[in-house]
Amino acid sequence: MVLGPFSPSAILTRLWTRHQRHEEARSQRMRERMGSTKFFGSQVGGQTVINYAYTDLPSRLMTWDIYYFFYYSWALPWIILPLTPSDSGDLDELAVTPQNIFCIALHLVLFILQLVFVLSLPAALFFPIWMAVACWGAFLVFNWAFCLLLNGPDIEYHSDEKFAEARPEHAHEQWVFLNGVAVGDHWMKNNLNRLALTFQRPILGIHNQTSGIIFDVFECLIQRNFGYATYDVRMAYRILKDKLYDPQYSKVIFILHSQGGIEGGLVLDWLLQELPQDLLSKIEVYTFGNAANHFNNPHRHVFSQALAQQDPAAAVTMTTTETTQPTPDSSPISPLTNAPSFDRRSTKSRLGDMANGKAKTNGESKTNGESKINGTPKTNGKISTGVSSTPRSSGPPSLRKDVSSLTSTRTSTAAQDRALGHVEHYAHTTDFVALWGVLHFCTSLAANRTMPRYIGRLFVRASERGGHQFCQHYLDGMFPLERDPVTNKLTRCAEENEFMESEVQVGTEGAAGQNAREAFEISWLGDTGFGSGEVGEQVEVHGDQVGRHRRKGVVKVKDLSRLWMYRNGMSPPDGPPLLIRENGIIRNATM
């Protein structure tokens, strides 16, 4: 019997066709509602006004955080949604694999137990204090032991060589990744391997170990409101500082996700307080779904800051060169190669001081070419502090002549005259963590100019796959991979994708001064930019090439993203950098 249009196959075909039309219409409405990818220049400001910052009282910060937690709670499902697709296969967090199922099951158990624990806290009022404390302690010990099933024994992890081997042209780079909430060692390794496959470089991972989703959220509140550095923050600081002082590296690429943005921000705050500017300029930071409430990268000179805000066209063309060198007769480094050891000289000095009853000075400090303005010394770019050329018994230790130079030269445009080399943030409009963190603080105008700002360029994507998972949502959507047509294995980052080809609105000239944003002239990379917001010498800011984009009113994300220039083992046009030695430190000659 022929059923015709009522046959099961015909009914299924009609239903499938209707479903496809519905999905296409929904996608079209979503695109119309969300618009194109939005780009915010560094030091952003918008229509909303925020009257508190991370320097405020912790109690006030905590109150606002709890308020905005519920304010943005509509986006909580997008921490794990969408569940599909899993374009990176086994590397994705929600791909159907035995290891992923095991991790998700453990997190579900932890979530239920921790939720019961939190809800039962008020019941402690009806029990003796010792009993309540004992119960809390027992649960915390159990929670720690249970999390050992998720966390490995190490805090340092490395990507597997089969995904990316070390190349000689990348020997001067160190890539470091700091993970986010609820990541055990299995997902940590997957994150590292996914990054290695995307950028074709070995990745060092610093593991922010999980304590369960709820406890991880509590840890986020404590870290970002009280500035408390947990063990993994302290270890990240030690590791990053060690890499920065290593003369092998001229670039340290720091990639952060979710809670890693909070911890990485704390690490950078410490580094900004302590490290020399030469070492800080090695750092490039790229964040995804950043949960931090601040991000610092100060200008090195007030002149550069004022110029970037008031005259961005001049800021991208004006070059600042800072040279520091000692005078030959006042070097603090002893020129003698046969000078006594530091211990012997120190011993002689102490004995001499004891015999004379007073301490001897080691010389006088002086400034070359010194002039005074209103009583303040001005060095005219040359600073020399040293001792008499006559050998003394209590001088500083001798150094080899090949590493004892104190000459330093730093050249940059006024627009990029900042402590850190570069900072970029990537966020989804439906990612709860990004809404609670980078999107809230970075797109709100500060109530007054003395409040800290959230520094870094921000790419905000509106997408149906705009969740929070690092591999499945962010990297698969923004840096998708290609597969081998024969073996179907993941091979490299795709050269074209929807996000990088999407159009962004061009900032108007003078936007930096009006909205506390850097103007588009500073952000523009184009085909010849250095990938850090600078404009190539052959491209005029108001020239034809930029003008064509201005007349269209849009440019593409790939024209503004420096991280995109590192895909598949490539480097921005300023790299591999010219490596020069400065005080025994190898660094980028253009920084």
Protein backbone atom coordinates (compact mmCIF):
# COMPACT_ATOMS: atom_id res chain seq x y z
CA MET A 1 0.00 0.00 0.00
CA VAL A 2 1.39 3.40 -1.04
CA LEU A 3 0.96 6.05 1.63
CA GLY A 4 2.37 8.90 -0.48
CA PRO A 5 2.73 12.09 1.57
CA PHE A 6 1.72 10.20 4.72
CA SER A 7 4.57 7.71 4.56
CA PRO A 8 7.06 7.80 7.46
CA SER A 9 9.89 8.93 5.17
CA ALA A 10 7.83 11.81 3.77
CA ILE A 11 6.75 12.90 7.25
CA LEU A 12 10.35 12.81 8.50
CA THR A 13 11.50 14.78 5.45
CA ARG A 14 8.92 17.49 6.05
CA LEU A 15 9.76 17.67 9.75
CA TRP A 16 13.48 17.90 9.00
CA THR A 17 12.91 20.61 6.39
CA ARG A 18 10.75 22.58 8.81
CA HIS A 19 13.39 22.19 11.51
CA GLN A 20 16.08 23.48 9.15
CA ARG A 21 13.98 26.51 8.18
CA HIS A 22 13.27 27.21 11.85
CA GLU A 23 16.96 26.99 12.76
CA GLU A 24 17.94 29.21 9.85
CA ALA A 25 15.34 31.81 10.82
CA ARG A 26 16.47 31.66 14.44
CA SER A 27 20.09 32.08 13.40
CA GLN A 28 19.16 35.06 11.26
CA ARG A 29 17.29 36.69 14.14
CA MET A 30 20.25 36.00 16.40
CA ARG A 31 22.63 37.64 13.95
CA GLU A 32 20.38 40.66 13.55
CA ARG A 33 19.96 41.02 17.30
CA MET A 34 23.60 40.49 18.19
CA GLY A 35 25.20 42.29 15.28
CA SER A 36 28.84 41.96 14.27
CA THR A 37 31.78 41.26 16.52
CA LYS A 38 32.51 44.25 18.73
CA PHE A 39 35.98 45.58 19.36
CA PHE A 40 36.94 47.86 22.23
CA GLY A 41 40.30 49.57 22.29
CA SER A 42 42.37 49.50 25.43
CA GLN A 43 41.28 51.69 28.37
CA VAL A 44 37.69 51.40 27.35
CA GLY A 45 34.68 53.28 28.60
CA GLY A 46 31.03 53.07 27.71
CA GLN A 47 27.66 54.48 28.64
CA THR A 48 27.39 52.66 31.96
CA VAL A 49 29.22 54.11 34.93
CA ILE A 50 30.95 52.04 37.58
CA ASN A 51 31.78 53.67 40.91
CA TYR A 52 33.88 50.94 42.52
CA ALA A 53 37.16 49.24 41.66
CA TYR A 54 39.46 46.52 42.95
CA THR A 55 41.17 49.06 45.22
CA ASP A 56 37.92 49.51 47.17
CA LEU A 57 37.01 47.90 50.50
CA PRO A 58 36.74 44.09 50.23
CA SER A 59 33.30 44.15 51.86
CA ARG A 60 32.02 46.55 49.21
CA LEU A 61 33.56 44.50 46.43
CA MET A 62 32.03 41.31 47.79
CA THR A 63 28.60 42.91 48.02
CA TRP A 64 28.73 44.07 44.41
CA ASP A 65 30.05 40.70 43.24
CA ILE A 66 27.20 38.84 44.90
CA TYR A 67 24.70 41.29 43.43
CA TYR A 68 26.05 40.93 39.89
CA PHE A 69 26.30 37.16 40.30
CA PHE A 70 22.51 37.03 40.48
CA TYR A 71 22.13 39.88 37.98
CA TYR A 72 23.91 37.82 35.32
CA SER A 73 22.58 34.47 36.53
CA TRP A 74 20.49 34.13 33.36
CA ALA A 75 23.75 33.22 31.60
CA LEU A 76 24.75 30.44 34.03
CA PRO A 77 23.59 27.63 31.68
CA TRP A 78 26.07 28.87 29.08
CA ILE A 79 28.94 27.79 31.27
CA ILE A 80 28.41 24.35 29.70
CA LEU A 81 26.07 25.16 26.79
CA PRO A 82 26.10 24.42 23.94
CA LEU A 83 26.95 20.76 24.45
CA THR A 84 27.74 20.28 20.77
CA PRO A 85 29.55 20.38 18.42
CA SER A 86 32.90 19.00 19.56
CA ASP A 87 35.00 20.06 16.59
CA SER A 88 38.31 19.23 18.29
CA GLY A 89 37.24 15.68 19.06
CA ASP A 90 38.72 14.19 22.21
CA LEU A 91 40.38 17.50 23.09
CA ASP A 92 37.02 19.16 23.81
CA GLU A 93 35.76 19.21 27.40
CA LEU A 94 32.26 17.92 26.61
CA ALA A 95 33.15 15.37 23.93
CA VAL A 96 31.73 11.92 24.67
CA THR A 97 34.85 10.13 25.88
CA PRO A 98 35.37 7.86 28.93
CA GLN A 99 37.74 10.38 30.56
CA ASN A 100 35.35 13.30 30.08
CA ILE A 101 32.38 11.31 31.39
CA PHE A 102 34.43 10.33 34.45
CA CYS A 103 35.41 13.96 35.14
CA ILE A 104 31.86 15.24 34.67
CA ALA A 105 30.47 12.55 36.98
CA LEU A 106 32.95 13.50 39.72
CA HIS A 107 32.04 17.16 39.35
CA LEU A 108 28.33 16.35 39.64
CA VAL A 109 28.95 14.46 42.88
CA LEU A 110 31.07 17.32 44.22
CA PHE A 111 28.45 19.88 43.22
CA ILE A 112 25.68 18.05 45.08
CA LEU A 113 27.79 17.47 48.20
CA GLN A 114 29.04 21.05 48.31
CA LEU A 115 25.55 22.45 47.75
CA VAL A 116 24.24 20.39 50.68
CA PHE A 117 27.20 21.56 52.78
CA VAL A 118 26.54 25.25 52.04
CA LEU A 119 22.80 24.97 52.66
CA SER A 120 23.41 23.19 55.97
CA LEU A 121 25.74 25.88 57.35
CA PRO A 122 22.94 27.75 59.21
CA ALA A 123 22.14 24.53 61.08
CA ALA A 124 25.49 24.87 62.86
CA LEU A 125 23.87 27.49 65.11
CA PHE A 126 22.00 24.71 66.91
CA PHE A 127 25.12 22.67 67.73
CA PRO A 128 28.14 23.26 69.97
CA ILE A 129 30.95 25.14 68.28
CA TRP A 130 33.41 22.25 68.60
CA MET A 131 30.97 19.90 66.91
CA ALA A 132 30.28 22.30 64.04
CA VAL A 133 33.98 22.96 63.49
CA ALA A 134 34.71 19.23 63.55
CA CYS A 135 32.02 18.56 60.95
CA TRP A 136 33.27 21.37 58.71
CA GLY A 137 36.84 20.13 59.00
CA ALA A 138 35.83 16.57 58.21
CA PHE A 139 33.97 17.66 55.09
CA LEU A 140 36.84 19.83 53.87
CA VAL A 141 39.28 16.94 54.30
CA PHE A 142 36.89 14.63 52.44
CA ASN A 143 36.48 17.22 49.66
CA TRP A 144 40.26 17.55 49.30
CA ALA A 145 40.73 13.78 49.13
CA PHE A 146 37.89 13.41 46.63
CA CYS A 147 39.43 16.08 44.39
CA LEU A 148 42.63 14.03 44.18
CA LEU A 149 40.72 11.91 41.68
CA LEU A 150 40.56 14.99 39.44
CA ASN A 151 43.84 16.75 40.21
CA GLY A 152 47.17 15.23 39.37
CA PRO A 153 50.23 15.40 41.63
CA ASP A 154 51.99 18.13 39.65
CA ILE A 155 51.47 21.84 39.21
CA GLU A 156 53.52 22.07 36.00
CA TYR A 157 52.35 20.32 32.84
CA HIS A 158 53.63 20.28 29.29
CA SER A 159 51.92 19.71 25.96
CA ASP A 160 52.71 16.44 24.19
CA GLU A 161 55.39 16.56 21.50
CA LYS A 162 53.14 14.86 18.96
CA PHE A 163 51.01 18.02 18.86
CA ALA A 164 53.90 20.48 18.54
CA GLU A 165 57.64 20.01 18.64
CA ALA A 166 60.09 22.70 19.61
CA ARG A 167 61.40 24.66 16.62
CA PRO A 168 64.64 26.66 16.47
CA GLU A 169 62.79 29.77 15.28
CA HIS A 170 60.71 29.70 18.47
CA ALA A 171 63.58 29.11 20.88
CA HIS A 172 63.31 32.69 22.15
CA GLU A 173 59.62 32.24 23.13
CA GLN A 174 58.04 30.71 26.22
CA TRP A 175 54.29 30.02 26.11
CA VAL A 176 52.55 29.67 29.48
CA PHE A 177 48.91 28.75 30.15
CA LEU A 178 46.96 29.19 33.39
CA ASN A 179 43.61 27.40 33.45
CA GLY A 180 40.25 28.31 34.91
CA VAL A 181 37.53 26.85 37.13
CA ALA A 182 36.86 23.11 37.57
CA VAL A 183 39.82 21.87 35.52
CA GLY A 184 41.53 18.65 36.55
CA ASP A 185 44.71 17.22 35.09
CA HIS A 186 42.89 15.53 32.17
CA TRP A 187 41.28 18.73 30.90
CA MET A 188 44.49 20.62 31.65
CA LYS A 189 46.46 18.35 29.31
CA ASN A 190 43.77 18.69 26.64
CA ASN A 191 43.90 22.48 26.91
CA LEU A 192 47.68 22.46 26.49
CA ASN A 193 47.58 20.07 23.53
CA ARG A 194 44.86 22.13 21.85
CA LEU A 195 46.97 25.30 22.22
CA ALA A 196 50.07 23.50 20.97
CA LEU A 197 48.21 22.27 17.89
CA THR A 198 46.80 25.73 17.20
CA PHE A 199 50.00 27.73 17.52
CA GLN A 200 52.54 24.94 16.79
CA ARG A 201 54.59 25.65 19.87
CA PRO A 202 55.21 23.68 23.08
CA ILE A 203 53.04 25.01 25.91
CA LEU A 204 53.90 25.08 29.61
CA GLY A 205 50.85 24.76 31.85
CA ILE A 206 50.53 25.97 35.44
CA HIS A 207 47.71 23.97 36.98
CA ASN A 208 45.11 25.88 38.96
CA GLN A 209 43.76 22.80 40.72
CA THR A 210 40.03 22.43 41.23
CA SER A 211 38.20 22.00 44.52
CA GLY A 212 34.80 21.54 42.90
CA ILE A 213 32.69 24.10 41.08
CA ILE A 214 31.08 25.75 44.13
CA PHE A 215 34.29 25.94 46.13
CA ASP A 216 36.12 27.26 43.06
CA VAL A 217 33.59 30.10 42.83
CA PHE A 218 34.18 30.91 46.51
CA GLU A 219 37.91 30.94 45.79
CA CYS A 220 37.33 33.38 42.91
CA LEU A 221 35.47 35.74 45.25
CA ILE A 222 38.27 35.62 47.80
CA GLN A 223 41.02 36.06 45.22
CA ARG A 224 39.56 38.99 43.35
CA ASN A 225 38.01 40.85 46.31
CA PHE A 226 40.67 40.29 48.97
CA GLY A 227 43.66 40.01 46.63
CA TYR A 228 44.57 36.71 48.29
CA ALA A 229 47.21 34.71 46.44
CA THR A 230 46.62 30.98 46.72
CA TYR A 231 49.39 28.41 46.28
CA ASP A 232 49.00 28.17 42.51
CA VAL A 233 49.22 31.99 42.22
CA ARG A 234 52.49 31.99 44.13
CA MET A 235 53.86 29.15 42.02
CA ALA A 236 52.79 30.91 38.82
CA TYR A 237 54.62 34.04 39.98
CA ARG A 238 57.79 32.07 40.69
CA ILE A 239 57.68 30.25 37.35
CA LEU A 240 56.91 33.35 35.31
CA LYS A 241 59.59 35.40 37.03
CA ASP A 242 62.12 32.64 36.38
CA LYS A 243 61.22 32.60 32.67
CA LEU A 244 61.47 36.38 32.41
CA TYR A 245 64.95 36.39 33.91
CA ASP A 246 66.08 33.57 31.63
CA PRO A 247 68.24 35.28 28.94
CA GLN A 248 67.10 32.68 26.39
CA TYR A 249 63.62 34.20 26.12
CA SER A 250 62.70 37.51 24.52
CA LYS A 251 58.95 36.78 24.63
CA VAL A 252 56.79 35.23 27.33
CA ILE A 253 53.27 34.57 26.03
CA PHE A 254 50.82 34.29 28.95
CA ILE A 255 47.43 32.76 28.08
CA LEU A 256 44.68 32.88 30.72
CA HIS A 257 41.20 31.41 30.92
CA SER A 258 38.38 32.09 33.38
CA GLN A 259 39.71 32.07 36.96
CA GLY A 260 43.17 32.03 35.44
CA GLY A 261 42.50 35.67 34.55
CA ILE A 262 42.14 36.51 38.25
CA GLU A 263 45.27 34.61 39.21
CA GLY A 264 47.24 35.88 36.23
CA GLY A 265 46.22 39.44 37.09
CA LEU A 266 47.56 39.00 40.62
CA VAL A 267 50.81 37.60 39.23
CA LEU A 268 51.18 40.53 36.86
CA ASP A 269 50.52 42.99 39.70
CA TRP A 270 53.45 41.50 41.60
CA LEU A 271 55.69 41.53 38.53
CA LEU A 272 54.81 45.17 37.79
CA GLN A 273 55.87 46.08 41.32
CA GLU A 274 59.23 44.34 41.21
CA LEU A 275 60.67 43.59 37.77
CA PRO A 276 62.70 45.95 35.60
CA GLN A 277 60.94 47.46 32.60
CA ASP A 278 63.20 45.54 30.23
CA LEU A 279 61.83 42.24 31.48
CA LEU A 280 58.21 43.37 31.66
CA SER A 281 58.28 44.32 27.99
CA LYS A 282 58.74 40.63 27.15
CA ILE A 283 55.24 39.76 28.37
CA GLU A 284 52.24 39.38 26.07
CA VAL A 285 48.91 38.46 27.68
CA TYR A 286 45.87 36.89 26.01
CA THR A 287 42.77 36.04 28.04
CA PHE A 288 39.56 34.12 27.29
CA GLY A 289 36.43 34.52 29.43
CA ASN A 290 38.44 36.53 31.94
CA ALA A 291 36.92 36.53 35.44
CA ALA A 292 39.22 39.24 36.85
CA ASN A 293 37.93 42.58 38.12
CA HIS A 294 41.02 44.50 36.97
CA PHE A 295 43.94 44.26 34.59
CA ASN A 296 46.95 46.54 34.85
CA ASN A 297 49.39 47.67 32.18
CA PRO A 298 50.43 51.25 32.94
CA HIS A 299 52.01 53.72 30.55
CA ARG A 300 55.69 54.22 31.22
CA HIS A 301 55.50 58.00 30.81
CA VAL A 302 52.70 60.48 31.41
CA PHE A 303 53.55 62.17 28.12
CA SER A 304 52.77 58.98 26.18
CA GLN A 305 49.51 58.51 28.04
CA ALA A 306 48.36 62.06 27.37
CA LEU A 307 49.31 61.85 23.70
CA ALA A 308 47.49 58.53 23.20
CA GLN A 309 44.33 60.05 24.67
CA GLN A 310 44.42 63.47 23.02
CA ASP A 311 46.14 62.92 19.68
CA PRO A 312 46.16 59.22 18.70
CA ALA A 313 47.34 59.95 15.16
CA ALA A 314 50.48 61.53 16.57
CA ALA A 315 50.86 58.77 19.17
CA VAL A 316 51.24 56.05 16.54
CA THR A 317 53.81 57.99 14.53
CA MET A 318 55.88 59.58 17.29
CA THR A 319 58.76 57.38 18.39
CA THR A 320 60.25 57.63 21.85
CA THR A 321 63.79 56.44 22.46
CA GLU A 322 65.15 56.08 25.96
CA THR A 323 68.87 55.50 26.43
CA THR A 324 70.61 54.87 29.72
CA GLN A 325 74.38 54.49 29.95
CA PRO A 326 77.14 54.95 32.54
CA THR A 327 80.10 57.29 32.27
CA PRO A 328 83.39 55.43 31.82
CA ASP A 329 84.91 56.71 35.05
CA SER A 330 81.98 55.92 37.31
CA SER A 331 81.03 52.32 36.60
CA PRO A 332 79.85 50.40 39.66
CA ILE A 333 81.35 47.28 38.09
CA SER A 334 84.98 46.69 38.89
CA PRO A 335 87.05 46.54 35.67
CA LEU A 336 89.57 44.21 37.24
CA THR A 337 89.37 40.57 36.22
CA ASN A 338 91.75 39.55 38.99
CA ALA A 339 89.89 41.36 41.75
CA PRO A 340 89.52 39.46 45.02
CA SER A 341 86.36 37.52 45.56
CA PHE A 342 83.34 39.15 47.14
CA ASP A 343 83.79 37.21 50.35
CA ARG A 344 87.44 38.22 50.68
CA ARG A 345 86.71 41.88 49.95
CA SER A 346 83.79 41.90 52.36
CA THR A 347 85.97 40.36 55.04
CA LYS A 348 88.71 42.92 54.49
CA SER A 349 86.19 45.73 54.56
CA ARG A 350 84.69 44.57 57.82
CA LEU A 351 88.13 44.20 59.39
CA GLY A 352 89.16 47.66 58.18
CA ASP A 353 85.97 49.21 59.50
CA MET A 354 86.44 47.56 62.86
CA ALA A 355 90.03 48.79 63.05
CA ASN A 356 89.12 52.36 62.11
CA GLY A 357 85.98 52.40 64.16
CA LYS A 358 83.88 53.58 61.21
CA ALA A 359 82.57 52.39 57.87
CA LYS A 360 84.28 53.41 54.67
CA THR A 361 82.30 54.66 51.76
CA ASN A 362 82.71 53.02 48.39
CA GLY A 363 82.68 56.20 46.37
CA GLU A 364 80.20 58.85 45.37
CA SER A 365 77.10 58.70 43.24
CA LYS A 366 76.82 61.17 40.45
CA THR A 367 74.63 61.91 37.47
CA ASN A 368 76.07 62.59 34.03
CA GLY A 369 74.91 65.80 32.40
CA GLU A 370 72.78 66.64 35.39
CA SER A 371 70.68 69.77 35.43
CA LYS A 372 68.08 70.91 37.91
CA ILE A 373 64.57 72.13 37.36
CA ASN A 374 62.80 73.38 40.50
CA GLY A 375 65.33 71.52 42.56
CA THR A 376 64.74 68.20 40.79
CA PRO A 377 67.65 66.51 39.04
CA LYS A 378 67.17 65.94 35.33
CA THR A 379 69.38 63.34 33.67
CA ASN A 380 68.74 64.10 29.99
CA GLY A 381 68.40 60.41 29.28
CA LYS A 382 71.75 59.42 30.75
CA ILE A 383 72.00 58.00 34.20
CA SER A 384 75.24 56.92 35.77
CA THR A 385 75.80 55.93 39.32
CA GLY A 386 79.18 54.58 40.28
CA VAL A 387 82.35 54.58 42.31
CA SER A 388 85.86 55.85 41.97
CA SER A 389 87.94 54.13 39.32
CA THR A 390 90.54 53.37 41.98
CA PRO A 391 90.16 49.77 43.21
CA ARG A 392 88.84 49.52 46.74
CA SER A 393 88.90 46.56 49.07
CA SER A 394 85.15 46.66 49.67
CA GLY A 395 83.64 47.11 46.20
CA PRO A 396 80.92 45.05 44.60
CA PRO A 397 81.81 41.69 43.04
CA SER A 398 83.53 41.59 39.67
CA LEU A 399 81.56 40.56 36.60
CA ARG A 400 82.71 39.39 33.20
CA LYS A 401 83.12 42.26 30.78
CA ASP A 402 80.75 40.67 28.25
CA VAL A 403 77.83 40.91 30.68
CA SER A 404 78.77 43.98 32.69
CA SER A 405 77.42 46.65 30.36
CA LEU A 406 74.79 48.92 31.81
CA THR A 407 73.89 50.48 28.47
CA SER A 408 70.18 50.20 27.69
CA THR A 409 68.11 51.47 24.76
CA ARG A 410 64.34 51.18 24.46
CA THR A 411 62.46 52.40 21.39
CA SER A 412 58.68 52.39 20.93
CA THR A 413 55.85 54.50 19.67
CA ALA A 414 54.16 56.72 22.20
CA ALA A 415 50.97 54.70 21.73
CA GLN A 416 52.69 51.50 22.84
CA ASP A 417 54.84 52.98 25.58
CA ARG A 418 53.50 50.59 28.20
CA ALA A 419 55.06 48.27 30.74
CA LEU A 420 53.78 45.00 29.22
CA GLY A 421 54.28 44.21 25.58
CA HIS A 422 50.63 43.55 24.66
CA VAL A 423 47.27 42.62 26.24
CA GLU A 424 44.17 41.19 24.49
CA HIS A 425 40.89 39.84 25.88
CA TYR A 426 38.41 37.55 24.11
CA ALA A 427 34.86 37.12 25.43
CA HIS A 428 31.43 35.79 24.49
CA THR A 429 28.33 37.87 25.14
CA THR A 430 26.54 34.86 26.68
CA ASP A 431 29.45 33.62 28.81
CA PHE A 432 28.47 34.13 32.45
CA VAL A 433 32.06 34.35 33.66
CA ALA A 434 32.95 36.96 31.04
CA LEU A 435 29.81 38.96 31.86
CA TRP A 436 30.69 38.84 35.55
CA GLY A 437 34.30 39.75 34.84
CA VAL A 438 35.86 41.36 31.80
CA LEU A 439 32.65 42.54 30.10
CA HIS A 440 31.31 44.21 33.23
CA PHE A 441 34.50 46.01 34.21
CA CYS A 442 36.00 46.65 30.80
CA THR A 443 32.96 48.20 29.14
CA SER A 444 31.88 50.41 32.04
CA LEU A 445 33.03 53.99 32.31
CA ALA A 446 34.82 54.78 35.55
CA ALA A 447 33.02 57.30 37.74
CA ASN A 448 36.18 59.36 38.05
CA ARG A 449 39.60 59.44 36.46
CA THR A 450 41.40 58.27 39.60
CA MET A 451 39.77 54.84 39.46
CA PRO A 452 41.81 51.98 37.95
CA ARG A 453 40.92 50.88 34.45
CA TYR A 454 40.70 47.45 32.86
CA ILE A 455 43.58 47.55 30.39
CA GLY A 456 43.70 45.54 27.19
CA ARG A 457 41.94 45.31 23.86
CA LEU A 458 38.65 43.45 24.00
CA PHE A 459 37.02 41.29 21.32
CA VAL A 460 33.37 40.57 22.16
CA ARG A 461 31.70 37.86 20.10
CA ALA A 462 28.00 37.17 19.84
CA SER A 463 27.59 33.57 18.74
CA GLU A 464 25.29 30.61 19.23
CA ARG A 465 28.27 28.63 20.46
CA GLY A 466 29.26 31.36 22.88
CA GLY A 467 29.79 29.30 26.03
CA HIS A 468 32.61 29.31 28.56
CA GLN A 469 34.59 26.11 27.94
CA PHE A 470 38.10 26.88 26.76
CA CYS A 471 38.52 24.33 23.96
CA GLN A 472 34.95 23.55 22.95
CA HIS A 473 33.57 27.08 22.96
CA TYR A 474 36.42 29.59 22.70
CA LEU A 475 39.14 27.90 20.67
CA ASP A 476 36.79 25.88 18.46
CA GLY A 477 34.82 29.03 17.70
CA MET A 478 37.69 31.52 17.35
CA PHE A 479 40.63 29.31 16.31
CA PRO A 480 39.06 26.22 14.68
CA LEU A 481 41.23 23.37 13.44
CA GLU A 482 41.58 21.70 10.06
CA ARG A 483 41.45 17.94 9.51
CA ASP A 484 43.48 15.87 7.13
CA PRO A 485 41.13 14.86 4.28
CA VAL A 486 42.58 11.33 4.19
CA THR A 487 43.18 10.40 7.83
CA ASN A 488 40.62 12.84 9.35
CA LYS A 489 43.18 13.77 11.99
CA LEU A 490 43.44 17.28 13.37
CA THR A 491 46.41 18.93 11.72
CA ARG A 492 46.53 22.72 12.14
CA CYS A 493 44.58 25.91 12.71
CA ALA A 494 42.23 26.75 9.86
CA GLU A 495 43.39 29.76 7.86
CA GLU A 496 39.85 31.10 7.55
CA ASN A 497 36.99 31.00 10.01
CA GLU A 498 33.79 32.88 10.72
CA PHE A 499 35.10 34.78 13.72
CA MET A 500 38.34 36.06 12.19
CA GLU A 501 36.55 36.98 8.97
CA SER A 502 33.74 38.76 10.81
CA GLU A 503 33.55 42.53 10.56
CA VAL A 504 33.96 44.90 13.46
CA GLN A 505 32.98 48.53 13.71
CA VAL A 506 35.80 51.02 13.28
CA GLY A 507 36.32 53.45 16.13
CA THR A 508 35.96 57.08 15.17
CA GLU A 509 38.89 59.44 15.29
CA GLY A 510 39.28 60.97 18.70
CA ALA A 511 37.38 58.19 20.43
CA ALA A 512 40.27 57.81 22.83
CA GLY A 513 39.87 61.30 24.21
CA GLN A 514 36.07 61.21 24.28
CA ASN A 515 35.36 57.76 25.70
CA ALA A 516 38.59 56.91 27.50
CA ARG A 517 39.31 54.39 24.73
CA GLU A 518 42.36 54.18 22.59
CA ALA A 519 41.40 55.38 19.14
CA PHE A 520 41.25 53.05 16.17
CA GLU A 521 44.50 54.47 14.80
CA ILE A 522 46.27 52.92 17.77
CA SER A 523 44.53 49.55 17.42
CA TRP A 524 44.91 49.18 13.67
CA LEU A 525 47.23 46.37 12.54
CA GLY A 526 46.46 46.01 8.85
CA ASP A 527 48.79 44.04 6.64
CA THR A 528 51.93 45.81 7.76
CA GLY A 529 51.31 46.65 11.39
CA PHE A 530 53.50 45.16 14.07
CA GLY A 531 50.64 43.29 15.65
CA SER A 532 50.75 45.52 18.67
CA GLY A 533 48.72 48.45 17.48
CA GLU A 534 51.52 50.17 15.65
CA VAL A 535 51.23 51.28 12.04
CA GLY A 536 53.87 50.31 9.50
CA GLU A 537 56.08 53.06 8.15
CA GLN A 538 54.68 52.73 4.64
CA VAL A 539 51.09 53.08 5.83
CA GLU A 540 49.80 56.50 6.71
CA VAL A 541 47.12 56.64 9.37
CA HIS A 542 44.87 58.60 7.03
CA GLY A 543 46.27 57.00 3.88
CA ASP A 544 44.50 55.05 1.18
CA GLN A 545 44.80 51.62 2.75
CA VAL A 546 43.22 52.59 6.03
CA GLY A 547 40.91 55.00 4.24
CA ARG A 548 39.32 52.19 2.24
CA HIS A 549 38.43 50.38 5.43
CA ARG A 550 37.16 53.62 6.95
CA ARG A 551 34.87 54.29 4.01
CA LYS A 552 33.42 50.82 4.39
CA GLY A 553 33.05 51.48 8.10
CA VAL A 554 34.28 47.98 9.05
CA VAL A 555 37.42 45.92 9.33
CA LYS A 556 37.89 42.25 10.13
CA VAL A 557 38.84 40.71 13.44
CA LYS A 558 42.01 39.25 11.94
CA ASP A 559 43.18 42.80 11.20
CA LEU A 560 43.08 43.63 14.91
CA SER A 561 44.04 40.36 16.60
CA ARG A 562 47.72 39.90 17.37
CA LEU A 563 47.17 36.38 18.72
CA TRP A 564 45.87 35.33 15.28
CA MET A 565 49.31 36.13 13.87
CA TYR A 566 50.86 33.32 15.94
CA ARG A 567 48.75 30.53 14.39
CA ASN A 568 50.45 27.50 12.83
CA GLY A 569 53.92 28.45 14.01
CA MET A 570 53.84 31.90 12.44
CA SER A 571 54.78 35.13 14.20
CA PRO A 572 53.73 38.78 13.94
CA PRO A 573 55.69 40.93 11.47
CA ASP A 574 57.93 42.08 14.31
CA GLY A 575 59.13 38.53 14.91
CA PRO A 576 61.14 36.58 15.29
CA PRO A 577 62.55 39.64 16.99
CA LEU A 578 66.03 40.98 16.77
CA LEU A 579 67.67 39.63 19.87
CA ILE A 580 70.03 42.01 21.60
CA ARG A 581 71.89 41.64 24.86
CA GLU A 582 71.17 44.18 27.56
CA ASN A 583 72.76 43.65 30.97
CA GLY A 584 73.08 39.98 30.14
CA ILE A 585 69.40 39.78 29.19
CA ILE A 586 68.26 38.95 25.66
CA ARG A 587 65.21 40.96 24.68
CA ASN A 588 63.29 42.25 21.68
CA ALA A 589 65.13 45.12 20.06
CA THR A 590 61.87 46.86 19.09
CA MET A 591 60.48 47.00 22.62
